[in-house]
Amino acid sequence: MASILPQVHPLAGWEAWLPPEKPDPGVWKRRLFVFSLMQIALPNPGFAGLVARGRIRLSQENVAISRGLPEPEQLRVNLYRLLARLLALSPDRELLDTLGTLSGDHTDLGTAIGDLAATARALTLVEAREEYHDLFIGVGRGELVPFGSYYLTGFLNEKPLARLRDDMAPLGIARSPGAKEPEDHIGALMDMMAGLIDGSFGPRQPLQTQKAFFKKHIGSWAGHFFADLEKAPSARLYRPVGAIGRHFLEIEEAGFDM
């Protein structure tokens, strides 16, 4: 099974991002990217569309990746899944090589993607993996604690996690029996959003369901996490990842608020 990562080239206006329910581009004035698709192997090939090994799984096994997704929605899936792969697991050689082929433009998002590509080409795999460890694992804990409960309450495994689990169940998402970390990890949440859009969890979820999930479980804290990631002392490869996440979530927030 393979996941989809984007290769980026500047092409279209913001209207290309709009889902079918939002035909009027309105206030969406900045440009975006059209992504050509690349295939890379998932670390856990048993679950279609999921990246976070041991964190989340499908309640229904053997779910096929949806076909025929409208291009604007596929673009959103690509970015969510790119962020999920970067945040859920330590980099490997294939990921660094893929990142090194990306290109951007003069927009905020494009600049961040270009910076990510340049940094991926400059770093060794050992350096990238050490950076991931220092940022998210550390000795005792990393420089960042990438969980919703921590950002919202200052503690792990608090009410935000319970609310997330309550909302995951009706959507067909369950924790893997072997999971070692809570489901409110930022990488897992990015992958959940991708799955809601592309139907990895069963039926594709309508825009209103996506919006409700985003507002409740991501929008309230993830922007702060990505801003912290940009400023983290050890961040080199992950500094532009923070910028990509921050700019992309601003795009999503603006679209949901229209």
Protein backbone atom coordinates (compact mmCIF):
# COMPACT_ATOMS: atom_id res chain seq x y z
CA MET A 1 0.00 0.00 0.00
CA ALA A 2 1.27 3.47 -0.78
CA SER A 3 0.62 6.92 0.53
CA ILE A 4 0.39 10.09 -1.50
CA LEU A 5 2.81 12.95 -1.04
CA PRO A 6 2.79 16.15 -3.07
CA GLN A 7 5.32 17.58 -5.44
CA VAL A 8 4.61 21.27 -5.71
CA HIS A 9 4.61 23.76 -8.50
CA PRO A 10 2.89 27.18 -8.54
CA LEU A 11 -0.02 27.16 -10.93
CA ALA A 12 -3.50 28.13 -9.86
CA GLY A 13 -5.39 30.66 -7.76
CA TRP A 14 -7.10 30.00 -4.46
CA GLU A 15 -10.34 29.07 -6.24
CA ALA A 16 -8.71 25.75 -7.21
CA TRP A 17 -8.69 24.80 -3.51
CA LEU A 18 -12.39 25.40 -2.96
CA PRO A 19 -14.49 22.31 -2.32
CA PRO A 20 -17.67 21.85 -4.40
CA GLU A 21 -19.79 23.24 -1.57
CA LYS A 22 -17.87 26.56 -1.77
CA PRO A 23 -17.90 27.66 -5.43
CA ASP A 24 -17.32 31.35 -4.72
CA PRO A 25 -13.65 32.11 -3.92
CA GLY A 26 -14.72 35.20 -1.93
CA VAL A 27 -11.95 36.36 0.39
CA TRP A 28 -9.53 33.66 -0.71
CA LYS A 29 -7.16 36.03 -2.48
CA ARG A 30 -3.74 34.42 -2.12
CA ARG A 31 -2.40 31.83 -4.53
CA LEU A 32 -2.00 28.14 -3.82
CA PHE A 33 -0.28 25.16 -5.32
CA VAL A 34 -1.44 22.38 -7.58
CA PHE A 35 0.18 19.14 -6.54
CA SER A 36 1.34 16.35 -8.79
CA LEU A 37 1.12 13.05 -6.97
CA MET A 38 3.97 10.85 -5.85
CA GLN A 39 3.78 7.40 -4.28
CA ILE A 40 5.87 6.44 -1.26
CA ALA A 41 5.56 3.37 0.89
CA LEU A 42 3.65 3.63 4.13
CA PRO A 43 5.46 2.34 7.21
CA ASN A 44 2.37 0.29 8.14
CA PRO A 45 0.99 -1.13 4.89
CA GLY A 46 -1.93 -2.89 6.60
CA PHE A 47 -4.05 0.24 6.85
CA ALA A 48 -4.93 2.28 3.80
CA GLY A 49 -4.06 5.93 4.10
CA LEU A 50 -2.69 5.85 7.65
CA VAL A 51 0.80 6.90 8.52
CA ALA A 52 1.07 6.80 12.30
CA ARG A 53 2.22 3.27 13.05
CA GLY A 54 0.80 2.07 16.36
CA ARG A 55 -1.22 5.23 16.92
CA ILE A 56 -4.47 4.89 15.01
CA ARG A 57 -6.08 2.20 12.90
CA LEU A 58 -9.30 1.70 11.00
CA SER A 59 -12.22 0.06 12.75
CA GLN A 60 -12.98 -1.57 9.38
CA GLU A 61 -9.92 -3.38 8.09
CA ASN A 62 -9.03 -3.78 4.42
CA VAL A 63 -10.53 -0.42 3.49
CA ALA A 64 -9.49 0.65 0.00
CA ILE A 65 -8.28 4.18 -0.70
CA SER A 66 -11.13 6.10 -2.31
CA ARG A 67 -10.99 6.67 -6.05
CA GLY A 68 -12.09 9.70 -7.99
CA LEU A 69 -11.65 12.30 -5.27
CA PRO A 70 -12.19 15.82 -6.66
CA GLU A 71 -8.87 17.55 -7.22
CA PRO A 72 -9.38 20.33 -4.62
CA GLU A 73 -10.08 17.70 -1.98
CA GLN A 74 -7.12 15.58 -3.05
CA LEU A 75 -4.88 18.60 -2.63
CA ARG A 76 -6.03 18.97 0.97
CA VAL A 77 -5.49 15.26 1.60
CA ASN A 78 -1.96 15.51 0.22
CA LEU A 79 -0.95 18.28 2.61
CA TYR A 80 -2.59 16.69 5.64
CA ARG A 81 -0.88 13.40 4.89
CA LEU A 82 2.48 15.05 4.26
CA LEU A 83 2.27 16.70 7.69
CA ALA A 84 1.13 13.41 9.24
CA ARG A 85 4.13 11.55 7.84
CA LEU A 86 6.57 14.23 8.98
CA LEU A 87 5.18 14.43 12.50
CA ALA A 88 4.12 10.88 13.28
CA LEU A 89 7.37 9.07 12.58
CA SER A 90 11.07 9.79 12.42
CA PRO A 91 12.33 10.58 8.90
CA ASP A 92 13.76 7.83 6.72
CA ARG A 93 15.89 8.00 3.58
CA GLU A 94 12.90 7.80 1.26
CA LEU A 95 11.15 10.69 2.96
CA LEU A 96 14.23 12.93 2.83
CA ASP A 97 14.73 12.13 -0.85
CA THR A 98 11.08 12.92 -1.58
CA LEU A 99 11.18 16.19 0.32
CA GLY A 100 14.28 17.22 -1.58
CA THR A 101 12.35 17.14 -4.87
CA LEU A 102 9.67 19.60 -3.76
CA SER A 103 9.63 23.16 -5.05
CA GLY A 104 7.81 26.29 -3.97
CA ASP A 105 7.19 29.87 -5.03
CA HIS A 106 7.12 33.37 -3.52
CA THR A 107 3.98 32.85 -1.41
CA ASP A 108 4.23 32.13 2.32
CA LEU A 109 3.34 28.48 1.84
CA GLY A 110 5.57 28.17 -1.21
CA THR A 111 8.52 29.73 0.57
CA ALA A 112 8.14 27.26 3.45
CA ILE A 113 7.96 24.30 1.06
CA GLY A 114 11.05 25.52 -0.77
CA ASP A 115 12.87 25.88 2.55
CA LEU A 116 11.86 22.35 3.53
CA ALA A 117 13.20 20.95 0.27
CA ALA A 118 16.51 22.79 0.60
CA THR A 119 16.98 21.67 4.19
CA ALA A 120 16.12 18.06 3.34
CA ARG A 121 18.83 18.10 0.68
CA ALA A 122 21.38 19.57 3.09
CA LEU A 123 20.86 17.25 6.06
CA THR A 124 22.08 13.71 6.51
CA LEU A 125 19.63 11.04 7.59
CA VAL A 126 21.39 10.79 10.96
CA GLU A 127 20.99 14.54 11.51
CA ALA A 128 17.30 14.45 10.57
CA ARG A 129 16.56 11.52 12.87
CA GLU A 130 18.46 13.11 15.76
CA GLU A 131 16.46 16.30 15.25
CA TYR A 132 13.17 14.39 15.38
CA HIS A 133 14.30 12.69 18.59
CA ASP A 134 15.33 15.95 20.25
CA LEU A 135 12.12 17.72 19.25
CA PHE A 136 9.52 15.09 20.07
CA ILE A 137 11.09 12.35 22.23
CA GLY A 138 14.14 13.56 24.13
CA VAL A 139 15.34 12.24 27.47
CA GLY A 140 12.21 12.28 29.57
CA ARG A 141 10.48 14.52 27.03
CA GLY A 142 11.30 16.42 23.89
CA GLU A 143 11.42 20.15 23.33
CA LEU A 144 7.77 19.99 22.25
CA VAL A 145 4.89 17.90 23.55
CA PRO A 146 2.77 17.37 20.42
CA PHE A 147 -0.54 16.44 22.04
CA GLY A 148 -3.81 18.35 22.13
CA SER A 149 -4.47 17.71 25.81
CA TYR A 150 -1.09 19.15 26.75
CA TYR A 151 -1.58 22.31 24.74
CA LEU A 152 -5.12 22.86 26.01
CA THR A 153 -4.72 21.87 29.68
CA GLY A 154 -1.00 21.54 30.41
CA PHE A 155 -1.37 17.81 31.06
CA LEU A 156 -1.60 14.63 29.00
CA ASN A 157 -4.67 12.37 28.83
CA GLU A 158 -7.14 15.05 29.89
CA LYS A 159 -10.68 15.89 28.77
CA PRO A 160 -9.69 16.97 25.24
CA LEU A 161 -8.49 13.40 24.61
CA ALA A 162 -11.73 11.95 25.99
CA ARG A 163 -13.76 14.23 23.72
CA LEU A 164 -11.64 13.18 20.74
CA ARG A 165 -12.23 9.50 21.46
CA ASP A 166 -15.97 10.12 21.73
CA ASP A 167 -15.93 11.70 18.27
CA MET A 168 -13.62 9.12 16.71
CA ALA A 169 -15.92 6.20 17.42
CA PRO A 170 -18.85 7.30 15.20
CA LEU A 171 -16.37 8.04 12.40
CA GLY A 172 -15.01 4.49 12.47
CA ILE A 173 -11.62 5.33 13.96
CA ALA A 174 -10.17 3.36 16.87
CA ARG A 175 -6.86 3.20 18.65
CA SER A 176 -4.55 0.38 17.67
CA PRO A 177 -4.26 -2.23 20.45
CA GLY A 178 -0.49 -1.80 20.45
CA ALA A 179 -0.51 1.99 20.55
CA LYS A 180 1.86 3.59 23.04
CA GLU A 181 0.72 7.21 22.71
CA PRO A 182 -2.62 9.01 22.94
CA GLU A 183 -4.67 9.65 19.83
CA ASP A 184 -4.44 13.43 20.17
CA HIS A 185 -0.89 13.42 18.80
CA ILE A 186 -0.62 16.07 16.08
CA GLY A 187 0.52 13.53 13.48
CA ALA A 188 -2.44 11.26 14.16
CA LEU A 189 -4.86 14.19 13.94
CA MET A 190 -3.44 15.28 10.58
CA ASP A 191 -3.96 11.75 9.29
CA MET A 192 -7.49 11.64 10.68
CA MET A 193 -8.36 14.80 8.75
CA ALA A 194 -6.98 13.27 5.55
CA GLY A 195 -9.09 10.18 6.17
CA LEU A 196 -12.27 12.17 6.74
CA ILE A 197 -11.76 13.85 3.36
CA ASP A 198 -10.74 10.85 1.25
CA GLY A 199 -12.92 8.18 2.86
CA SER A 200 -10.16 6.08 4.40
CA PHE A 201 -12.41 5.45 7.40
CA GLY A 202 -15.42 4.44 5.33
CA PRO A 203 -17.72 7.03 3.70
CA ARG A 204 -16.19 10.37 2.80
CA GLN A 205 -17.34 12.86 5.39
CA PRO A 206 -19.17 16.03 4.29
CA LEU A 207 -17.60 19.43 4.72
CA GLN A 208 -19.65 20.21 7.82
CA THR A 209 -18.35 17.08 9.56
CA GLN A 210 -14.79 17.97 8.58
CA LYS A 211 -15.32 21.49 9.89
CA ALA A 212 -16.73 20.32 13.22
CA PHE A 213 -13.84 17.89 13.75
CA PHE A 214 -11.24 20.49 12.79
CA LYS A 215 -12.70 23.22 14.98
CA LYS A 216 -13.06 20.98 18.01
CA HIS A 217 -9.84 18.99 17.90
CA ILE A 218 -7.30 20.87 15.76
CA GLY A 219 -8.09 24.55 15.31
CA SER A 220 -8.05 25.26 19.03
CA TRP A 221 -4.35 24.43 19.50
CA ALA A 222 -2.48 23.12 16.45
CA GLY A 223 -1.61 26.59 15.15
CA HIS A 224 0.20 27.26 18.44
CA PHE A 225 2.05 23.96 18.12
CA PHE A 226 3.25 24.76 14.60
CA ALA A 227 4.36 28.24 15.69
CA ASP A 228 6.31 26.65 18.56
CA LEU A 229 7.86 24.18 16.14
CA GLU A 230 9.15 27.05 13.98
CA LYS A 231 10.95 28.48 17.04
CA ALA A 232 12.21 25.25 18.63
CA PRO A 233 15.98 25.34 19.33
CA SER A 234 16.72 22.03 17.58
CA ALA A 235 14.51 22.66 14.56
CA ARG A 236 16.22 22.70 11.17
CA LEU A 237 14.25 20.34 8.96
CA TYR A 238 11.19 20.93 11.11
CA ARG A 239 11.33 24.73 11.16
CA PRO A 240 9.76 24.96 7.68
CA VAL A 241 7.43 22.10 8.63
CA GLY A 242 6.11 24.41 11.34
CA ALA A 243 5.60 27.17 8.78
CA ILE A 244 3.85 24.82 6.34
CA GLY A 245 1.51 23.59 9.06
CA ARG A 246 0.74 27.09 10.29
CA HIS A 247 -0.02 28.49 6.83
CA PHE A 248 -2.05 25.44 5.79
CA LEU A 249 -4.20 25.55 8.91
CA GLU A 250 -4.85 29.24 8.26
CA ILE A 251 -6.10 28.24 4.80
CA GLU A 252 -8.35 25.57 6.26
CA GLU A 253 -9.69 27.92 8.93
CA ALA A 254 -10.52 30.56 6.32
CA GLY A 255 -12.28 28.03 4.12
CA PHE A 256 -14.35 26.60 6.95
CA ASP A 257 -15.36 30.09 8.08
CA MET A 258 -16.73 31.17 4.71
